Amino acid sequence: MANKDPKTVTEQIEILRKRGMLFHKEELVPHFLENISYYRLKGYWWEMQSNKVEHKFNDNSYFEDVINLYNFDRYLRLLMFDAIERIEVALRTKLIYHLSLSYGPLWYLDYTIFTDGINQMSIAGHLSGEITRSKEQFIVEHKYKHKNELPEAWKALEVASMGSLSKIYKNLDHQLPEKAAIALQFGFNSHSDFSSFLEATTVIRNVIAHHSRLWNNNITIKYLWPKNLKNVPITYIPNENQRAKLFPLFSLILYALENVSPNSSIKGKFYKLLEEYSNVPVHKMGFPVNWQTQPIWVK
């Protein structure tokens, strides 16, 4: 039988102790396990195990270090969400502005400006669902005044998820000058590279939105490393394995922010976060030796 019996907090602590976990203040441990589930924390103590089959911990593995890492990851997610929000808002704004001026208020329903009209019908259908669920006042007013009519792009895209925005951008006809213009405003010379960046960033955003572990998580999507950028964010081209970790994508996010939010304090806040959590092994996030000297990371 694969199913295990549920364990009390006391039993959970005893399991950790038998596997070699140490505690500085054991009296505080129940509080954490009552508010953060055992299996949520498991992702943070995984790296501390010398034998992952028998779940044996390395020497000097302290529960407090697990909580420290958990808190670091929580603040990292908040910081990354701040960064991605700026990119999402800028993308939404540029799509609305450029495409509405060129193709009218309902351009997202004009399937002739997309590479795949059937795919755009599906995207528009999903967007229609987002509009239906929205409680934003401007959407409520539109539904009241214009029953059974989809709203203009500047209303519709304001309630679109980043995933929808990314899909809309990717599906735009490759020959549209507006598609190239938007990529350039983010510092990308290739709309394909920019679209790939958006897809990867959306994956990270979804990890954050679900409060999942970020710091040493693998990025599941295989994204393109952009060519011919205006400025080189890092001095090497990361291979596929390196791109599965956070550092390369974080570097590209900072690069995009330099173009659309040049006064952002994201980089400075990350340095401060590392000062506060100096024991975090940043190499597990794909940060190379002397990463601070990489162009985009220089203070």
Protein backbone atom coordinates (compact mmCIF):
# COMPACT_ATOMS: atom_id res chain seq x y z
CA MET A 1 0.00 0.00 0.00
CA ALA A 2 1.52 3.30 -1.13
CA ASN A 3 -0.51 5.54 1.18
CA LYS A 4 1.14 6.46 4.47
CA ASP A 5 -0.60 7.23 7.72
CA PRO A 6 -0.86 10.93 8.64
CA LYS A 7 1.57 12.14 11.28
CA THR A 8 1.11 14.55 14.15
CA VAL A 9 3.50 17.48 14.45
CA THR A 10 5.25 15.68 17.31
CA GLU A 11 5.70 12.61 15.11
CA GLN A 12 7.00 14.77 12.25
CA ILE A 13 9.65 16.27 14.53
CA GLU A 14 10.70 12.81 15.67
CA ILE A 15 11.04 11.63 12.05
CA LEU A 16 13.32 14.59 11.31
CA ARG A 17 15.38 13.91 14.44
CA LYS A 18 15.89 10.24 13.54
CA ARG A 19 17.07 11.28 10.09
CA GLY A 20 19.70 13.58 11.57
CA MET A 21 18.00 16.97 11.69
CA LEU A 22 19.20 19.21 14.53
CA PHE A 23 17.33 22.00 16.31
CA HIS A 24 18.62 25.16 17.96
CA LYS A 25 15.26 25.88 19.64
CA GLU A 26 13.11 22.79 19.43
CA GLU A 27 10.31 24.46 21.37
CA LEU A 28 9.67 26.74 18.37
CA VAL A 29 9.53 23.96 15.78
CA PRO A 30 5.86 22.99 16.34
CA HIS A 31 4.80 26.55 15.49
CA PHE A 32 6.44 26.32 12.07
CA LEU A 33 5.10 22.85 11.27
CA GLU A 34 1.60 23.93 12.29
CA ASN A 35 1.72 26.83 9.83
CA ILE A 36 3.99 25.57 7.03
CA SER A 37 3.33 22.00 5.95
CA TYR A 38 5.97 19.30 6.29
CA TYR A 39 5.92 18.61 2.55
CA ARG A 40 6.21 22.28 1.67
CA LEU A 41 9.37 22.50 3.78
CA LYS A 42 10.65 19.24 2.34
CA GLY A 43 11.67 21.06 -0.84
CA TYR A 44 13.96 23.27 1.24
CA TRP A 45 15.69 20.55 3.27
CA TRP A 46 16.13 18.32 0.21
CA GLU A 47 19.53 19.89 -0.47
CA MET A 48 20.63 19.08 3.09
CA GLN A 49 20.25 15.33 2.65
CA SER A 50 23.33 13.20 2.06
CA ASN A 51 21.20 10.15 1.29
CA LYS A 52 18.02 11.16 -0.51
CA VAL A 53 16.71 7.59 -0.66
CA GLU A 54 16.83 7.07 3.09
CA HIS A 55 16.37 10.81 3.72
CA LYS A 56 19.48 11.07 5.90
CA PHE A 57 20.66 14.61 6.63
CA ASN A 58 24.18 15.95 6.39
CA ASP A 59 26.02 16.70 9.61
CA ASN A 60 25.08 20.05 11.16
CA SER A 61 21.75 20.28 9.31
CA TYR A 62 19.58 22.59 11.40
CA PHE A 63 15.84 23.09 11.11
CA GLU A 64 16.38 26.82 11.57
CA ASP A 65 18.46 26.86 8.37
CA VAL A 66 15.49 25.34 6.54
CA ILE A 67 13.25 28.15 7.79
CA ASN A 68 15.92 30.69 6.85
CA LEU A 69 15.99 29.33 3.30
CA TYR A 70 12.19 29.24 3.19
CA ASN A 71 12.02 32.92 4.17
CA PHE A 72 14.69 33.84 1.62
CA ASP A 73 12.66 32.14 -1.09
CA ARG A 74 9.51 33.97 -0.02
CA TYR A 75 11.22 37.35 -0.27
CA LEU A 76 12.83 36.32 -3.56
CA ARG A 77 9.39 35.53 -4.98
CA LEU A 78 8.07 38.92 -3.89
CA LEU A 79 11.04 40.64 -5.51
CA MET A 80 10.70 38.69 -8.75
CA PHE A 81 6.97 39.39 -8.83
CA ASP A 82 7.72 43.10 -8.58
CA ALA A 83 10.13 42.82 -11.51
CA ILE A 84 7.81 40.74 -13.69
CA GLU A 85 4.84 42.97 -12.92
CA ARG A 86 6.71 45.92 -14.44
CA ILE A 87 7.41 43.90 -17.59
CA GLU A 88 3.81 42.68 -17.77
CA VAL A 89 2.37 46.19 -17.42
CA ALA A 90 4.77 47.57 -20.05
CA LEU A 91 3.95 44.73 -22.46
CA ARG A 92 0.22 45.27 -21.99
CA THR A 93 0.58 49.00 -22.58
CA LYS A 94 2.68 48.61 -25.72
CA LEU A 95 0.37 46.00 -27.24
CA ILE A 96 -2.64 48.23 -26.65
CA TYR A 97 -0.95 51.38 -27.95
CA HIS A 98 0.79 50.11 -31.08
CA LEU A 99 -1.86 47.67 -32.30
CA SER A 100 -4.88 49.87 -31.52
CA LEU A 101 -3.47 52.83 -33.43
CA SER A 102 -2.64 50.66 -36.44
CA TYR A 103 -5.54 48.20 -36.55
CA GLY A 104 -8.39 49.66 -34.52
CA PRO A 105 -9.98 49.08 -31.12
CA LEU A 106 -10.87 45.41 -31.73
CA TRP A 107 -7.61 44.35 -33.35
CA TYR A 108 -7.31 41.30 -31.10
CA LEU A 109 -10.34 39.91 -33.00
CA ASP A 110 -8.87 40.70 -36.45
CA TYR A 111 -7.49 37.28 -37.30
CA THR A 112 -5.81 38.60 -40.47
CA ILE A 113 -3.01 40.19 -38.43
CA PHE A 114 -2.09 36.91 -36.73
CA THR A 115 -0.01 34.02 -38.00
CA ASP A 116 -2.60 31.46 -36.92
CA GLY A 117 -6.21 32.61 -37.06
CA ILE A 118 -7.58 29.45 -35.45
CA ASN A 119 -5.13 29.78 -32.58
CA GLN A 120 -6.12 33.41 -32.16
CA MET A 121 -9.78 32.38 -31.95
CA SER A 122 -8.80 30.12 -29.05
CA ILE A 123 -6.76 32.90 -27.40
CA ALA A 124 -9.63 35.36 -27.87
CA GLY A 125 -12.03 32.82 -26.37
CA HIS A 126 -9.83 32.50 -23.31
CA LEU A 127 -9.58 36.28 -23.09
CA SER A 128 -13.38 36.49 -23.30
CA GLY A 129 -13.53 34.23 -20.25
CA GLU A 130 -11.12 36.52 -18.38
CA ILE A 131 -13.35 39.47 -19.30
CA THR A 132 -16.47 37.62 -18.12
CA ARG A 133 -14.86 36.85 -14.74
CA SER A 134 -13.46 40.34 -14.23
CA LYS A 135 -14.93 42.57 -11.53
CA GLU A 136 -13.00 45.66 -12.67
CA GLN A 137 -15.30 48.69 -12.68
CA PHE A 138 -14.56 49.62 -16.29
CA ILE A 139 -15.48 46.09 -17.41
CA VAL A 140 -18.67 46.12 -15.32
CA GLU A 141 -19.65 49.45 -16.90
CA HIS A 142 -18.90 48.14 -20.39
CA LYS A 143 -21.11 45.09 -19.84
CA TYR A 144 -23.91 47.36 -18.62
CA LYS A 145 -23.68 49.81 -21.53
CA HIS A 146 -22.72 47.41 -24.32
CA LYS A 147 -24.38 44.06 -23.67
CA ASN A 148 -23.04 41.16 -25.76
CA GLU A 149 -20.21 43.32 -27.18
CA LEU A 150 -16.58 42.60 -26.42
CA PRO A 151 -14.68 45.64 -25.12
CA GLU A 152 -12.01 47.61 -26.93
CA ALA A 153 -8.44 46.38 -26.61
CA TRP A 154 -7.53 49.00 -24.02
CA LYS A 155 -10.19 47.52 -21.74
CA ALA A 156 -9.89 43.85 -22.70
CA LEU A 157 -6.12 43.56 -22.35
CA GLU A 158 -6.14 45.27 -18.96
CA VAL A 159 -7.72 42.13 -17.52
CA ALA A 160 -5.67 39.69 -19.62
CA SER A 161 -3.19 37.46 -17.81
CA MET A 162 0.49 37.60 -18.72
CA GLY A 163 0.05 34.19 -20.32
CA SER A 164 -2.62 35.61 -22.64
CA LEU A 165 -0.50 38.66 -23.44
CA SER A 166 2.48 36.46 -24.26
CA LYS A 167 0.38 34.26 -26.55
CA ILE A 168 -1.13 37.27 -28.33
CA TYR A 169 2.31 38.75 -28.95
CA LYS A 170 3.75 35.46 -30.19
CA ASN A 171 0.84 34.93 -32.60
CA LEU A 172 1.09 38.38 -34.21
CA ASP A 173 2.10 38.20 -37.86
CA HIS A 174 5.89 38.22 -38.03
CA GLN A 175 5.85 40.93 -40.70
CA LEU A 176 3.98 43.46 -38.58
CA PRO A 177 6.28 46.41 -37.85
CA GLU A 178 4.53 46.80 -34.50
CA LYS A 179 5.76 43.38 -33.41
CA ALA A 180 9.37 44.33 -34.05
CA ALA A 181 8.86 47.76 -32.48
CA ILE A 182 7.61 46.28 -29.21
CA ALA A 183 10.55 43.87 -28.99
CA LEU A 184 12.98 46.73 -29.61
CA GLN A 185 11.45 48.80 -26.83
CA PHE A 186 12.37 45.99 -24.44
CA GLY A 187 15.89 45.87 -25.91
CA PHE A 188 15.42 42.77 -28.10
CA ASN A 189 16.36 42.86 -31.78
CA SER A 190 14.42 39.68 -32.56
CA HIS A 191 10.71 39.23 -31.94
CA SER A 192 11.30 35.46 -31.70
CA ASP A 193 13.85 35.96 -28.91
CA PHE A 194 11.52 38.36 -27.12
CA SER A 195 8.57 35.99 -27.44
CA SER A 196 10.67 33.15 -26.01
CA PHE A 197 11.71 35.41 -23.12
CA LEU A 198 8.05 36.23 -22.41
CA GLU A 199 7.12 32.56 -22.33
CA ALA A 200 9.89 31.75 -19.84
CA THR A 201 9.02 34.77 -17.71
CA THR A 202 5.37 33.68 -17.66
CA VAL A 203 6.44 30.29 -16.29
CA ILE A 204 8.30 32.02 -13.46
CA ARG A 205 5.32 34.28 -12.80
CA ASN A 206 3.06 31.25 -12.46
CA VAL A 207 5.49 29.62 -10.02
CA ILE A 208 5.35 32.77 -7.93
CA ALA A 209 1.55 33.08 -8.19
CA HIS A 210 1.17 29.56 -6.79
CA HIS A 211 3.64 30.31 -3.96
CA SER A 212 5.84 27.48 -5.17
CA ARG A 213 9.54 27.12 -4.43
CA LEU A 214 11.60 29.36 -6.73
CA TRP A 215 15.18 29.65 -5.51
CA ASN A 216 16.55 26.31 -6.77
CA ASN A 217 13.63 25.20 -8.91
CA ASN A 218 14.26 24.12 -12.49
CA ILE A 219 12.79 26.28 -15.25
CA THR A 220 10.89 23.70 -17.25
CA ILE A 221 10.51 25.65 -20.49
CA LYS A 222 13.41 25.67 -22.95
CA TYR A 223 13.82 29.27 -24.05
CA LEU A 224 16.08 30.88 -26.63
CA TRP A 225 19.11 32.86 -25.56
CA PRO A 226 18.74 36.19 -27.41
CA LYS A 227 21.23 37.32 -30.04
CA ASN A 228 22.51 40.81 -30.88
CA LEU A 229 21.17 42.60 -27.82
CA LYS A 230 21.89 46.31 -27.47
CA ASN A 231 23.96 45.55 -24.39
CA VAL A 232 25.26 42.18 -23.23
CA PRO A 233 23.70 41.30 -19.84
CA ILE A 234 26.17 38.48 -19.17
CA THR A 235 29.44 37.70 -20.96
CA TYR A 236 28.70 34.09 -21.85
CA ILE A 237 25.94 32.19 -23.62
CA PRO A 238 24.40 29.85 -21.05
CA ASN A 239 23.82 26.31 -22.25
CA GLU A 240 20.52 24.49 -21.88
CA ASN A 241 21.37 23.13 -18.43
CA GLN A 242 22.43 26.56 -17.20
CA ARG A 243 19.23 28.12 -18.56
CA ALA A 244 17.25 25.66 -16.44
CA LYS A 245 18.35 27.69 -13.39
CA LEU A 246 17.23 31.16 -12.37
CA PHE A 247 20.36 33.25 -12.96
CA PRO A 248 20.27 33.61 -16.78
CA LEU A 249 16.56 34.46 -16.87
CA PHE A 250 16.89 36.82 -13.90
CA SER A 251 19.69 38.55 -15.84
CA LEU A 252 17.42 38.95 -18.89
CA ILE A 253 14.63 40.30 -16.69
CA LEU A 254 17.01 42.95 -15.32
CA TYR A 255 18.06 43.73 -18.91
CA ALA A 256 14.43 44.20 -20.00
CA LEU A 257 13.80 46.40 -16.96
CA GLU A 258 16.70 48.65 -17.91
CA ASN A 259 14.73 49.44 -21.06
CA VAL A 260 11.19 49.86 -19.70
CA SER A 261 11.79 50.69 -16.02
CA PRO A 262 15.34 52.10 -15.86
CA ASN A 263 14.98 53.46 -12.32
CA SER A 264 13.83 50.18 -10.81
CA SER A 265 15.47 49.15 -7.55
CA ILE A 266 15.15 45.39 -8.18
CA LYS A 267 18.89 44.74 -8.43
CA GLY A 268 19.69 46.75 -5.32
CA LYS A 269 16.96 44.98 -3.36
CA PHE A 270 18.36 41.61 -4.42
CA TYR A 271 21.82 42.56 -3.15
CA LYS A 272 20.26 43.60 0.17
CA LEU A 273 18.35 40.32 0.33
CA LEU A 274 21.61 38.40 -0.08
CA GLU A 275 23.21 40.49 2.67
CA GLU A 276 20.40 39.50 5.02
CA TYR A 277 20.52 35.84 3.96
CA SER A 278 24.24 35.47 3.38
CA ASN A 279 24.28 31.70 3.94
CA VAL A 280 22.05 30.94 0.96
CA PRO A 281 24.02 28.90 -1.63
CA VAL A 282 23.39 31.06 -4.70
CA HIS A 283 25.13 28.55 -6.98
CA LYS A 284 22.01 26.40 -6.58
CA MET A 285 20.19 29.15 -8.51
CA GLY A 286 22.78 28.96 -11.27
CA PHE A 287 24.77 31.99 -10.11
CA PRO A 288 28.36 31.54 -11.37
CA VAL A 289 31.56 32.43 -9.54
CA ASN A 290 32.05 36.22 -9.56
CA TRP A 291 28.51 36.74 -10.85
CA GLN A 292 28.63 40.29 -9.44
CA THR A 293 31.08 41.22 -12.24
CA GLN A 294 28.65 40.27 -15.02
CA PRO A 295 27.62 43.47 -16.86
CA ILE A 296 23.95 43.54 -15.83
CA TRP A 297 24.85 42.82 -12.20
CA VAL A 298 27.52 45.48 -11.68
CA LYS A 299 26.32 47.93 -9.03
